Structures are given as C-alpha cells and as structure tokens.
Protein backbone atom coordinates (compact mmCIF):
# COMPACT_ATOMS: atom_id res chain seq x y z
CA UNK A 1 -2.11 -8.39 23.29
CA UNK A 2 -1.90 -4.60 22.68
CA UNK A 3 1.22 -2.49 23.23
CA UNK A 4 1.07 1.00 24.75
CA UNK A 5 3.55 3.64 23.46
CA UNK A 6 3.86 6.80 25.03
CA UNK A 7 4.79 9.13 22.25
CA UNK A 8 5.00 12.75 20.91
CA UNK A 9 4.64 13.22 17.07
CA UNK A 10 8.10 13.81 15.47
CA UNK A 11 9.93 12.84 18.62
CA UNK A 12 12.21 9.71 19.33
CA UNK A 13 9.09 7.59 20.14
CA UNK A 14 8.74 7.38 16.31
CA UNK A 15 11.74 5.14 16.17
CA UNK A 16 9.36 2.61 18.07
CA UNK A 17 6.08 3.48 16.52
CA UNK A 18 7.25 2.70 13.06
CA UNK A 19 8.64 -0.61 13.99
CA UNK A 20 5.28 -1.54 15.83
CA UNK A 21 3.53 -0.50 12.46
CA UNK A 22 6.02 -2.59 10.37
CA UNK A 23 5.31 -5.65 12.34
CA UNK A 24 1.65 -4.99 12.31
CA UNK A 25 1.41 -4.91 16.24
CA UNK A 26 -1.73 -3.48 17.87
CA UNK A 27 -0.61 -0.42 19.70
CA UNK A 28 -2.38 2.23 21.76
CA UNK A 29 -0.56 5.60 21.51
CA UNK A 30 -0.77 7.82 24.39
CA UNK A 31 0.33 11.17 23.58
CA UNK A 32 2.59 13.24 26.18
CA UNK A 33 2.96 16.82 26.36
CA UNK A 34 6.11 18.75 25.52
CA UNK A 35 8.58 17.19 27.98
CA UNK A 36 11.01 20.14 27.77
CA UNK A 37 8.06 22.73 28.54
CA UNK A 38 5.73 21.08 30.79
CA UNK A 39 6.58 19.88 34.41
CA UNK A 40 3.27 18.11 34.26
CA UNK A 41 4.07 16.09 31.39
CA UNK A 42 7.61 15.21 32.97
CA UNK A 43 5.87 14.12 36.23
CA UNK A 44 3.37 11.92 34.44
CA UNK A 45 5.86 10.15 32.42
CA UNK A 46 8.30 10.09 34.99
CA UNK A 47 6.09 7.91 37.26
CA UNK A 48 6.57 5.23 34.54
CA UNK A 49 10.03 6.13 33.12
CA UNK A 50 12.23 7.91 35.65
CA UNK A 51 14.09 9.65 32.75
CA UNK A 52 10.71 10.96 31.29
CA UNK A 53 11.85 10.21 27.93
CA UNK A 54 10.26 8.82 24.82
CA UNK A 55 9.96 6.11 23.64
CA UNK A 56 8.46 4.44 26.79
CA UNK A 57 6.78 1.34 25.82
CA UNK A 58 4.41 -0.90 27.97
CA UNK A 59 4.46 -4.52 26.72
CA UNK A 60 1.30 -6.47 26.66
CA UNK A 61 2.19 -8.08 30.06
CA UNK A 62 2.65 -4.82 31.66
CA UNK A 63 6.32 -4.80 31.54
CA UNK A 64 7.96 -1.28 30.92
CA UNK A 65 10.66 -0.86 28.13
CA UNK A 66 12.72 2.08 27.30
CA UNK A 67 15.72 2.69 25.07
CA UNK A 68 14.91 2.62 21.40
CA UNK A 69 17.69 0.12 20.67
CA UNK A 70 16.67 -2.21 23.28
CA UNK A 71 13.05 -2.11 22.00
CA UNK A 72 14.21 -2.62 18.44
CA UNK A 73 16.18 -5.98 19.40
CA UNK A 74 13.23 -7.13 21.73
CA UNK A 75 10.63 -6.69 19.07
CA UNK A 76 12.63 -8.61 16.41
CA UNK A 77 13.02 -11.38 18.99
CA UNK A 78 9.36 -11.31 20.28
CA UNK A 79 8.22 -11.66 16.58
CA UNK A 80 10.68 -14.15 15.65
CA UNK A 81 11.56 -12.27 12.46
CA UNK A 82 14.86 -10.94 10.93
CA UNK A 83 13.65 -8.48 8.30
CA UNK A 84 14.47 -5.50 10.47
CA UNK A 85 17.25 -7.25 12.58
CA UNK A 86 19.73 -9.59 11.32
CA UNK A 87 19.44 -12.81 13.34
CA UNK A 88 22.54 -14.14 15.16
CA UNK A 89 24.69 -15.98 12.90
CA UNK A 90 23.69 -13.48 9.97
CA UNK A 91 27.11 -12.12 8.54
CA UNK A 92 25.32 -8.62 8.52
CA UNK A 93 24.57 -8.90 12.45
CA UNK A 94 27.86 -7.42 13.50
CA UNK A 95 27.66 -4.38 11.22
CA UNK A 96 23.99 -3.93 12.21
CA UNK A 97 24.72 -3.81 15.89
CA UNK A 98 27.72 -1.71 15.44
CA UNK A 99 25.71 1.02 13.68
CA UNK A 100 22.80 0.69 15.80
CA UNK A 101 24.45 1.28 18.93
CA UNK A 102 26.53 4.25 17.18
CA UNK A 103 23.32 5.92 16.28
CA UNK A 104 21.75 5.64 19.90
CA UNK A 105 25.07 6.03 21.81
CA UNK A 106 26.70 8.86 19.81
CA UNK A 107 24.39 10.60 17.43
CA UNK A 108 21.05 10.57 19.50
CA UNK A 109 22.77 12.07 22.70
CA UNK A 110 23.54 15.21 20.73
CA UNK A 111 19.85 15.97 20.52
CA UNK A 112 19.53 15.32 24.36
CA UNK A 113 22.32 18.08 25.09
CA UNK A 114 21.36 20.55 22.43
CA UNK A 115 17.62 20.51 22.29
CA UNK A 116 17.59 22.19 25.79
CA UNK A 117 21.09 23.52 26.76
CA UNK A 118 19.70 25.09 29.88
CA UNK A 119 19.59 21.65 31.37
CA UNK A 120 23.48 21.34 31.13
CA UNK A 121 24.81 24.98 30.97
CA UNK A 122 23.91 27.09 33.81
CA UNK A 123 25.33 30.35 32.15
CA UNK A 124 22.57 31.66 29.76
CA UNK A 125 25.48 33.56 27.73
CA UNK A 126 27.32 30.24 27.06
CA UNK A 127 24.18 28.19 25.95
CA UNK A 128 24.37 29.33 22.09
CA UNK A 129 27.99 28.34 21.85
CA UNK A 130 27.41 25.07 23.56
CA UNK A 131 24.55 24.15 21.33
CA UNK A 132 26.58 25.25 18.14
CA UNK A 133 29.44 22.81 19.24
CA UNK A 134 27.18 20.09 19.84
CA UNK A 135 25.42 20.46 16.54
CA UNK A 136 28.86 20.62 14.80
CA UNK A 137 29.95 17.47 16.42
CA UNK A 138 26.66 15.82 15.35
CA UNK A 139 27.31 16.82 11.77
CA UNK A 140 30.75 15.06 12.02
CA UNK A 141 29.11 11.95 13.27
CA UNK A 142 26.64 11.84 10.42
CA UNK A 143 29.68 12.39 7.82
CA UNK A 144 31.05 9.08 9.54
CA UNK A 145 27.75 7.46 8.80
CA UNK A 146 27.61 8.72 5.20
CA UNK A 147 31.04 7.34 4.56
CA UNK A 148 29.98 3.87 5.74
CA UNK A 149 26.58 3.93 3.93
CA UNK A 150 26.05 1.46 1.34
CA UNK A 151 23.22 1.27 -1.43
CA UNK A 152 20.22 1.20 -1.86
CA UNK A 153 20.18 0.73 2.05
CA UNK A 154 22.69 1.40 4.64
CA UNK A 155 23.96 -2.29 4.89
CA UNK A 156 23.66 -2.64 1.00
CA UNK A 157 21.05 -4.78 -0.52
CA UNK A 158 19.63 -5.68 2.92
CA UNK A 159 17.03 -3.35 4.40
CA UNK A 160 16.98 -3.24 8.24
CA UNK A 161 15.86 -1.03 10.99
CA UNK A 162 18.96 1.06 10.38
CA UNK A 163 17.25 2.58 7.48
CA UNK A 164 14.23 3.17 9.69
CA UNK A 165 16.28 5.28 12.20
CA UNK A 166 18.09 7.20 9.35
CA UNK A 167 14.64 8.17 7.86
CA UNK A 168 13.53 9.51 11.06
CA UNK A 169 16.49 11.04 12.65
CA UNK A 170 17.47 12.85 9.38
CA UNK A 171 14.20 14.69 9.71
CA UNK A 172 15.88 16.36 12.91
CA UNK A 173 18.78 18.85 13.14
CA UNK A 174 20.45 19.53 10.84
CA UNK A 175 17.55 18.87 8.72
CA UNK A 176 17.07 17.39 5.18
CA UNK A 177 18.43 20.19 3.23
CA UNK A 178 21.93 19.84 5.18
CA UNK A 179 21.83 15.99 4.58
CA UNK A 180 20.97 16.57 0.92
CA UNK A 181 24.01 18.73 0.38
CA UNK A 182 26.34 16.91 2.67
CA UNK A 183 25.12 13.22 3.11
CA UNK A 184 23.52 12.23 -0.18
CA UNK A 185 23.68 8.55 0.50
CA UNK A 186 21.74 8.90 3.71
CA UNK A 187 19.29 11.25 2.10
CA UNK A 188 18.56 8.62 -0.61
CA UNK A 189 18.09 6.02 2.05
CA UNK A 190 15.79 8.15 3.86
CA UNK A 191 13.61 9.01 0.86
CA UNK A 192 13.58 5.37 0.06
CA UNK A 193 12.38 4.33 3.29
CA UNK A 194 9.64 6.87 3.56
CA UNK A 195 8.19 5.68 0.11
CA UNK A 196 7.87 2.02 1.37
CA UNK A 197 4.23 0.84 1.35
CA UNK A 198 2.29 0.44 4.77
CA UNK A 199 3.90 3.02 6.77
CA UNK A 200 2.18 6.23 5.50
CA UNK A 201 -0.06 6.60 8.29
CA UNK A 202 2.91 6.51 10.83
CA UNK A 203 4.66 9.24 8.71
CA UNK A 204 1.74 11.30 8.52
CA UNK A 205 0.92 11.12 12.20
CA UNK A 206 4.43 12.25 13.08
CA UNK A 207 5.33 14.67 10.26
CA UNK A 208 2.15 15.87 8.74
CA UNK A 209 2.92 17.65 5.53
C-alpha cells in the first residue's frame, strides 16, 4: 500500500509530501529533474501527468492524482481523519475550503506565471516587467491572507492543512524576510508549523539548512 510521489525538493510536491508524512503513509519518492530547464524531465513526467507538474501522486491502486488541493481532500477522506481537513458539518469547513482554494487558485498560479516568464511572454524585453507585475500581485494576495489570519493557526485554535501550505509557500517568493516585515501573522504560523514534531525529515529533505 505504498504511494509514489514524483517530487523535486522545495517545489510544490512538498505540499503533498508533508501530508503523507503527517499521516504516516508509506511513500516512495521519485525525484524529477528541473522541469523548467530539462526537456527530458518534462517528457518523462509528462507521460504520467500531461502538464508535467509536481505534485504527481500515484495511489496504491495505480491511479494518478494531481493538483495539491484535490490530493489534500482525498488523503483526509482516505484516512478517515479530520485533523488536517475539517470534516463535512464542521463549522470551520467552509472557511477551510475557501482559503485552500484561494491558495491554489490565486496565489499558486503567480509562481506558474513568474517562475519562467518566457513560457508566456515572447518578447524578452517585456519579461522582467511581467514578472515584477505578477510578483506584486502575489504580494497583494498574501496581504489578503494576512488580514484574515487567526492565531495561533490560520483558522484560530484549530491546526489544519492551511498551516502546512503557509509554511511551505512562504519559503518561496517573496521569501521569509518579506513576510516577516509585511505578514507577521503568517510568519508566526509558518514558524510554528515548522517546529511541530515528526516532520523534521521532510523539511530537511526539501529545505536543507
């Protein structure tokens, strides 16, 4: 009953890897090359996931799952647990679903567009400006999250997968120094999440210090 995760350290696959670790599920990590720089890596993963993106998760029955939010909901359901995802009927579930989709539908695409602007902007001279605009938009979205963040966790007293997402995604642009200055509540959530016992190995593999 082993899961297989196609992953690259520090990339979006960590959003799934950390949840597999949280649930104590057996997982085989298959590292992929740099999907921006390597046509071979894209072709190899593209045979399984046409978008050649991580996370790409192979379930124990061989089914392929992509999209981190879908995987988040699936794993909670498969485990029959509500510690990361509030169950149907839980008063926190609407807020959880709202902000989970906000993260993956609004903030995550800013990395898709700005990580490699050449994929979307043919004019080389225009790429720097395009990336700057997308990064500025991402900062605006993070400030929305900051204004809604509770304490000690995003939803208040209840820890959820949202806190895992925040801990991982605040490692990316605009980086922790910016968050410390502009989004202190999100920074506190990220640091508290990283300090939780049992996940040190996942953090170390993805963000070796």
